[in-house]
Amino acid sequence: MKKKMRQAGYFLIIILLLPYVVTVFINGNGVLKQKEAGSPYVTVERDEKTKEMRMDEYGIGVLAKEIDVDSEMETLKAQAILIRTSIYKTLQEEGTDTVLSKNYWTRNQMETNWGTDAYSENYNKMKEAWESTNGIVLVYEGNLALTPYHKLSNGKTRSGNEVFESEKYPYLQVKECPKDLEAEEAVTTSIIQETGLQVLEQDSAGYVTKVKCGTEEIKGEEFRNTYHLTSSSFILEDFDGNTKVTTQGIGHGLGMSQYTAEVMAKDGKTYEEILNYFFEGTTFGEVAEILIKPE
């Protein structure tokens, strides 16, 4: 009986200390940034300055910037999990003192983009998506997964193993997204005032991996960034002494297509089903369990 009572006591102590242990892990060296009960603090960049802010406040700000506020709740939940996983993966790999990206919205920016009258309603919607998935992350073989996302594919998502030329991302597979082809922004065209441009190689999802520019050969993503294309899925055609570019999709094409995720949510799919489709082979985990797992 005494032994069972001792075991129960040990278990209770572990439960009580778990938030402390996770906070120490995240903030490093035992220097707590958890100034109040609840979400830990992280260091972020804004206006060429750094500041500390609550993890959940930062996460909600990223969520607000990265996805349409009119999205279905299940789509928002899926997006929240991808963002949370990415934040913790960055802290785990780069160190707890790393300065997180300025890629988030402050309240003023939210009010500007949504309007002051709609601010409370929209913010609460984002907050609900974040808090209703509190602590949930995507895991592959016991580690935080890489969780990319994009607005619109070319009809298929890309293979992570092909993009990164590595076998480390079997859960980033080519996935069919036929509804993406029906989106208003599915196809865009532009003119490049150059000639001698030719697509040399594409991956299995139809994204360009190598382009010939005169006597040079460059990677598809480099070409996309150089000419500010919406996607690296494109066709090049000679056009009146220039080059006509027809582009399909918006974004890099890896991971979750937000457009297809929204279609799935409207069809009654849950965030679990959405993420299981785009990140096949991953599982859902609690961030506390991942961060304090034994080596």
Protein backbone atom coordinates (compact mmCIF):
# COMPACT_ATOMS: atom_id res chain seq x y z
CA MET A 1 0.00 0.00 0.00
CA LYS A 2 2.82 2.42 0.95
CA LYS A 3 4.61 1.60 -2.30
CA LYS A 4 1.48 2.41 -4.32
CA MET A 5 1.03 5.67 -2.41
CA ARG A 6 4.64 6.62 -3.12
CA GLN A 7 4.19 5.86 -6.83
CA ALA A 8 1.03 7.95 -6.91
CA GLY A 9 2.92 10.77 -5.21
CA TYR A 10 5.73 10.61 -7.77
CA PHE A 11 3.21 10.70 -10.61
CA LEU A 12 1.50 13.75 -9.11
CA ILE A 13 4.83 15.56 -8.75
CA ILE A 14 5.67 14.84 -12.42
CA ILE A 15 2.30 16.21 -13.55
CA LEU A 16 2.73 19.35 -11.43
CA LEU A 17 6.28 19.98 -12.65
CA LEU A 18 5.64 19.26 -16.34
CA PRO A 19 4.84 22.87 -17.35
CA TYR A 20 7.99 24.01 -15.53
CA VAL A 21 10.16 21.41 -17.25
CA VAL A 22 8.84 22.33 -20.69
CA THR A 23 9.35 26.03 -20.01
CA VAL A 24 12.95 25.44 -18.90
CA PHE A 25 13.58 23.39 -22.04
CA ILE A 26 12.16 26.04 -24.32
CA ASN A 27 13.92 28.97 -22.69
CA GLY A 28 17.21 27.25 -21.99
CA ASN A 29 19.64 27.37 -19.10
CA GLY A 30 16.81 27.53 -16.60
CA VAL A 31 16.23 31.22 -17.34
CA LEU A 32 12.45 31.39 -17.41
CA LYS A 33 10.64 33.68 -19.78
CA GLN A 34 7.30 32.43 -18.55
CA LYS A 35 6.42 35.63 -16.73
CA GLU A 36 2.94 34.46 -15.89
CA ALA A 37 1.03 31.22 -15.86
CA GLY A 38 0.31 29.81 -19.28
CA SER A 39 2.13 30.43 -22.54
CA PRO A 40 5.93 30.84 -22.48
CA TYR A 41 7.57 33.88 -24.06
CA VAL A 42 9.62 33.95 -27.25
CA THR A 43 11.89 36.56 -28.83
CA VAL A 44 10.58 38.01 -32.09
CA GLU A 45 11.59 40.66 -34.63
CA ARG A 46 9.49 43.69 -35.46
CA ASP A 47 10.54 46.96 -37.12
CA GLU A 48 14.24 46.01 -36.93
CA LYS A 49 13.94 45.58 -33.18
CA THR A 50 13.48 42.51 -31.01
CA LYS A 51 10.93 42.02 -28.28
CA GLU A 52 9.57 39.30 -26.07
CA MET A 53 5.99 38.21 -26.49
CA ARG A 54 3.81 35.34 -25.43
CA MET A 55 4.10 32.23 -27.57
CA ASP A 56 0.34 32.05 -28.12
CA GLU A 57 0.16 35.75 -29.04
CA TYR A 58 2.91 35.25 -31.61
CA GLY A 59 1.28 32.07 -32.95
CA ILE A 60 -2.09 33.76 -33.39
CA GLY A 61 -0.35 36.66 -35.16
CA VAL A 62 1.34 34.27 -37.59
CA LEU A 63 -1.95 32.44 -38.16
CA ALA A 64 -3.72 35.72 -38.91
CA LYS A 65 -1.09 36.67 -41.47
CA GLU A 66 -0.78 33.29 -43.19
CA ILE A 67 -4.38 32.35 -43.95
CA ASP A 68 -7.68 33.92 -44.98
CA VAL A 69 -9.81 34.80 -41.96
CA ASP A 70 -12.90 33.53 -43.81
CA SER A 71 -11.51 29.98 -43.84
CA GLU A 72 -13.44 27.16 -42.22
CA MET A 73 -12.57 26.46 -38.57
CA GLU A 74 -11.13 23.03 -39.41
CA THR A 75 -8.83 24.63 -41.98
CA LEU A 76 -7.71 27.18 -39.40
CA LYS A 77 -7.05 24.42 -36.87
CA ALA A 78 -4.94 22.51 -39.38
CA GLN A 79 -2.99 25.68 -40.17
CA ALA A 80 -2.50 26.42 -36.46
CA ILE A 81 -0.93 23.00 -35.90
CA LEU A 82 1.44 23.47 -38.83
CA ILE A 83 2.52 26.86 -37.49
CA ARG A 84 2.96 25.60 -33.93
CA THR A 85 5.03 22.65 -35.11
CA SER A 86 7.23 24.93 -37.19
CA ILE A 87 7.82 27.36 -34.31
CA TYR A 88 8.86 24.65 -31.89
CA LYS A 89 10.98 22.92 -34.52
CA THR A 90 12.85 26.19 -35.11
CA LEU A 91 13.45 26.67 -31.38
CA GLN A 92 14.57 23.09 -31.00
CA GLU A 93 17.00 23.16 -33.95
CA GLU A 94 18.33 26.72 -33.76
CA GLY A 95 18.31 27.24 -30.01
CA THR A 96 15.91 28.84 -27.60
CA ASP A 97 17.56 32.26 -27.93
CA THR A 98 16.85 32.45 -31.65
CA VAL A 99 14.92 35.48 -32.88
CA LEU A 100 11.74 34.35 -34.60
CA SER A 101 10.61 35.81 -37.91
CA LYS A 102 8.71 39.08 -38.13
CA ASN A 103 6.20 37.19 -40.28
CA TYR A 104 3.23 37.91 -38.02
CA TRP A 105 0.59 40.57 -37.54
CA THR A 106 0.23 42.87 -34.57
CA ARG A 107 -3.16 44.11 -33.40
CA ASN A 108 -2.78 47.33 -35.40
CA GLN A 109 -2.10 45.36 -38.57
CA MET A 110 -5.03 43.05 -37.91
CA GLU A 111 -7.33 46.04 -37.48
CA THR A 112 -5.98 47.58 -40.70
CA ASN A 113 -6.51 44.40 -42.71
CA TRP A 114 -9.82 43.33 -41.17
CA GLY A 115 -11.24 46.69 -40.14
CA THR A 116 -11.68 47.82 -36.55
CA ASP A 117 -15.34 46.78 -36.45
CA ALA A 118 -14.51 43.20 -37.45
CA TYR A 119 -11.34 42.95 -35.36
CA SER A 120 -12.80 41.29 -32.26
CA GLU A 121 -14.79 38.70 -34.19
CA ASN A 122 -11.90 37.76 -36.48
CA TYR A 123 -9.29 37.75 -33.72
CA ASN A 124 -11.48 35.52 -31.57
CA LYS A 125 -11.86 33.11 -34.48
CA MET A 126 -8.09 32.85 -34.84
CA LYS A 127 -7.69 32.52 -31.10
CA GLU A 128 -10.24 29.70 -31.00
CA ALA A 129 -8.36 27.79 -33.69
CA TRP A 130 -5.08 28.24 -31.82
CA GLU A 131 -6.38 27.41 -28.36
CA SER A 132 -8.59 24.49 -29.41
CA THR A 133 -5.46 22.77 -30.75
CA ASN A 134 -3.34 23.87 -27.80
CA GLY A 135 -0.07 21.92 -27.60
CA ILE A 136 -0.79 19.70 -30.61
CA VAL A 137 2.07 19.25 -33.09
CA LEU A 138 2.84 16.94 -36.02
CA VAL A 139 5.41 14.24 -35.35
CA TYR A 140 7.35 11.83 -37.54
CA GLU A 141 9.27 8.97 -35.91
CA GLY A 142 9.29 10.77 -32.58
CA ASN A 143 10.53 14.11 -33.91
CA LEU A 144 8.80 17.33 -34.91
CA ALA A 145 7.91 17.14 -38.58
CA LEU A 146 8.71 19.68 -41.28
CA THR A 147 5.35 21.36 -41.92
CA PRO A 148 5.34 23.54 -45.07
CA TYR A 149 2.17 24.90 -46.62
CA HIS A 150 1.20 27.01 -49.61
CA LYS A 151 -1.86 28.81 -50.89
CA LEU A 152 -2.54 26.90 -54.11
CA SER A 153 -0.86 23.99 -55.88
CA ASN A 154 -0.69 23.31 -59.62
CA GLY A 155 -3.06 20.41 -59.04
CA LYS A 156 -0.52 18.34 -57.12
CA THR A 157 1.73 18.88 -54.12
CA ARG A 158 5.43 18.12 -54.37
CA SER A 159 7.61 15.35 -53.03
CA GLY A 160 9.81 16.48 -50.14
CA ASN A 161 12.42 13.87 -51.01
CA GLU A 162 12.67 15.31 -54.54
CA VAL A 163 12.75 18.95 -53.48
CA PHE A 164 15.37 18.47 -50.77
CA GLU A 165 17.18 15.60 -52.53
CA SER A 166 16.94 13.65 -49.28
CA GLU A 167 15.10 10.59 -47.97
CA LYS A 168 14.27 12.37 -44.71
CA TYR A 169 10.80 13.55 -45.76
CA PRO A 170 8.73 10.52 -46.87
CA TYR A 171 5.65 12.14 -45.34
CA LEU A 172 5.80 14.99 -47.88
CA GLN A 173 4.39 13.13 -50.85
CA VAL A 174 2.82 14.04 -54.17
CA LYS A 175 -0.86 14.52 -53.37
CA GLU A 176 -3.65 15.15 -55.85
CA CYS A 177 -5.40 18.52 -55.47
CA PRO A 178 -7.67 18.70 -58.54
CA LYS A 179 -9.87 21.45 -57.07
CA ASP A 180 -6.87 23.78 -57.03
CA LEU A 181 -7.09 23.91 -60.82
CA GLU A 182 -10.58 25.45 -60.52
CA ALA A 183 -9.47 28.39 -58.37
CA GLU A 184 -9.71 31.89 -59.83
CA GLU A 185 -5.98 32.41 -59.27
CA ALA A 186 -4.98 28.99 -60.64
CA VAL A 187 -3.23 30.42 -63.73
CA THR A 188 -1.34 33.68 -64.17
CA THR A 189 0.70 35.03 -67.08
CA SER A 190 3.55 37.49 -67.27
CA ILE A 191 6.16 38.71 -69.72
CA ILE A 192 9.93 38.54 -69.20
CA GLN A 193 11.87 40.90 -71.45
CA GLU A 194 14.47 38.30 -72.30
CA THR A 195 14.91 35.47 -74.76
CA GLY A 196 16.78 32.19 -74.70
CA LEU A 197 14.92 30.88 -71.65
CA GLN A 198 14.07 27.19 -71.61
CA VAL A 199 12.71 24.71 -69.06
CA LEU A 200 15.16 21.82 -68.78
CA GLU A 201 13.80 19.68 -65.95
CA GLN A 202 10.64 19.21 -63.90
CA ASP A 203 9.86 17.10 -60.85
CA SER A 204 7.16 14.43 -60.70
CA ALA A 205 4.51 17.01 -59.75
CA GLY A 206 5.31 19.26 -62.71
CA TYR A 207 7.31 21.94 -60.89
CA VAL A 208 10.36 23.25 -62.72
CA THR A 209 13.68 22.22 -61.20
CA LYS A 210 16.11 23.52 -63.83
CA VAL A 211 16.00 26.38 -66.36
CA LYS A 212 18.42 27.35 -69.12
CA CYS A 213 19.08 31.09 -69.23
CA GLY A 214 21.31 31.72 -72.21
CA THR A 215 24.43 29.68 -71.49
CA GLU A 216 23.59 29.34 -67.80
CA GLU A 217 21.55 26.71 -65.97
CA ILE A 218 19.78 27.69 -62.73
CA LYS A 219 17.38 26.00 -60.34
CA GLY A 220 13.65 26.46 -60.75
CA GLU A 221 13.16 28.14 -57.38
CA GLU A 222 15.99 30.57 -58.10
CA PHE A 223 14.38 31.44 -61.43
CA ARG A 224 11.02 31.88 -59.71
CA ASN A 225 12.48 34.24 -57.10
CA THR A 226 14.51 36.21 -59.66
CA TYR A 227 11.46 36.96 -61.79
CA HIS A 228 8.95 37.12 -58.91
CA LEU A 229 6.74 34.33 -60.22
CA THR A 230 3.84 33.10 -58.11
CA SER A 231 4.98 29.48 -58.42
CA SER A 232 7.79 27.35 -59.81
CA SER A 233 5.25 25.44 -61.90
CA PHE A 234 5.46 27.34 -65.19
CA ILE A 235 5.74 27.16 -68.95
CA LEU A 236 8.10 29.39 -70.99
CA GLU A 237 7.22 30.46 -74.54
CA ASP A 238 8.86 32.85 -77.01
CA PHE A 239 6.56 35.84 -77.50
CA ASP A 240 7.26 38.84 -79.70
CA GLY A 241 10.95 39.05 -78.83
CA ASN A 242 10.30 38.34 -75.16
CA THR A 243 9.32 35.32 -73.08
CA LYS A 244 5.76 34.61 -72.00
CA VAL A 245 5.48 32.82 -68.65
CA THR A 246 2.34 30.87 -67.76
CA THR A 247 2.33 29.96 -64.10
CA GLN A 248 0.13 27.50 -62.21
CA GLY A 249 -0.52 27.75 -58.48
CA ILE A 250 0.67 30.06 -55.71
CA GLY A 251 3.60 29.11 -53.53
CA HIS A 252 6.28 26.42 -53.42
CA GLY A 253 3.87 23.49 -53.68
CA LEU A 254 5.15 21.61 -50.63
CA GLY A 255 2.96 20.25 -47.85
CA MET A 256 -0.60 21.47 -47.35
CA SER A 257 -2.47 23.32 -50.06
CA GLN A 258 -4.66 25.78 -48.18
CA TYR A 259 -7.16 25.82 -51.04
CA THR A 260 -7.66 22.05 -51.02
CA ALA A 261 -7.69 22.02 -47.22
CA GLU A 262 -10.57 24.50 -47.36
CA VAL A 263 -12.42 22.33 -49.89
CA MET A 264 -11.96 19.33 -47.60
CA ALA A 265 -13.20 21.29 -44.56
CA LYS A 266 -16.30 22.41 -46.43
CA ASP A 267 -16.92 18.76 -47.31
CA GLY A 268 -16.98 17.94 -43.59
CA LYS A 269 -13.40 16.75 -43.12
CA THR A 270 -11.75 17.41 -39.76
CA TYR A 271 -8.35 18.97 -39.24
CA GLU A 272 -7.03 15.50 -38.41
CA GLU A 273 -8.21 14.17 -41.77
CA ILE A 274 -6.80 17.17 -43.61
CA LEU A 275 -3.36 16.84 -42.06
CA ASN A 276 -3.32 13.06 -42.39
CA TYR A 277 -3.87 13.53 -46.12
CA PHE A 278 -1.11 16.06 -46.70
CA PHE A 279 1.39 14.64 -44.18
CA GLU A 280 0.80 10.93 -44.56
CA GLY A 281 2.77 8.90 -42.02
CA THR A 282 2.95 11.60 -39.37
CA THR A 283 1.09 11.43 -36.06
CA PHE A 284 -0.31 13.98 -33.65
CA GLY A 285 1.65 14.57 -30.47
CA GLU A 286 1.76 16.90 -27.49
CA VAL A 287 4.64 19.34 -27.68
CA ALA A 288 5.51 18.69 -24.03
CA GLU A 289 5.97 14.98 -24.72
CA ILE A 290 8.23 15.68 -27.71
CA LEU A 291 10.43 18.28 -26.05
CA ILE A 292 11.18 16.27 -22.89
CA LYS A 293 11.47 12.85 -24.52
CA PRO A 294 14.61 10.94 -23.48
CA GLU A 295 17.51 10.92 -25.95
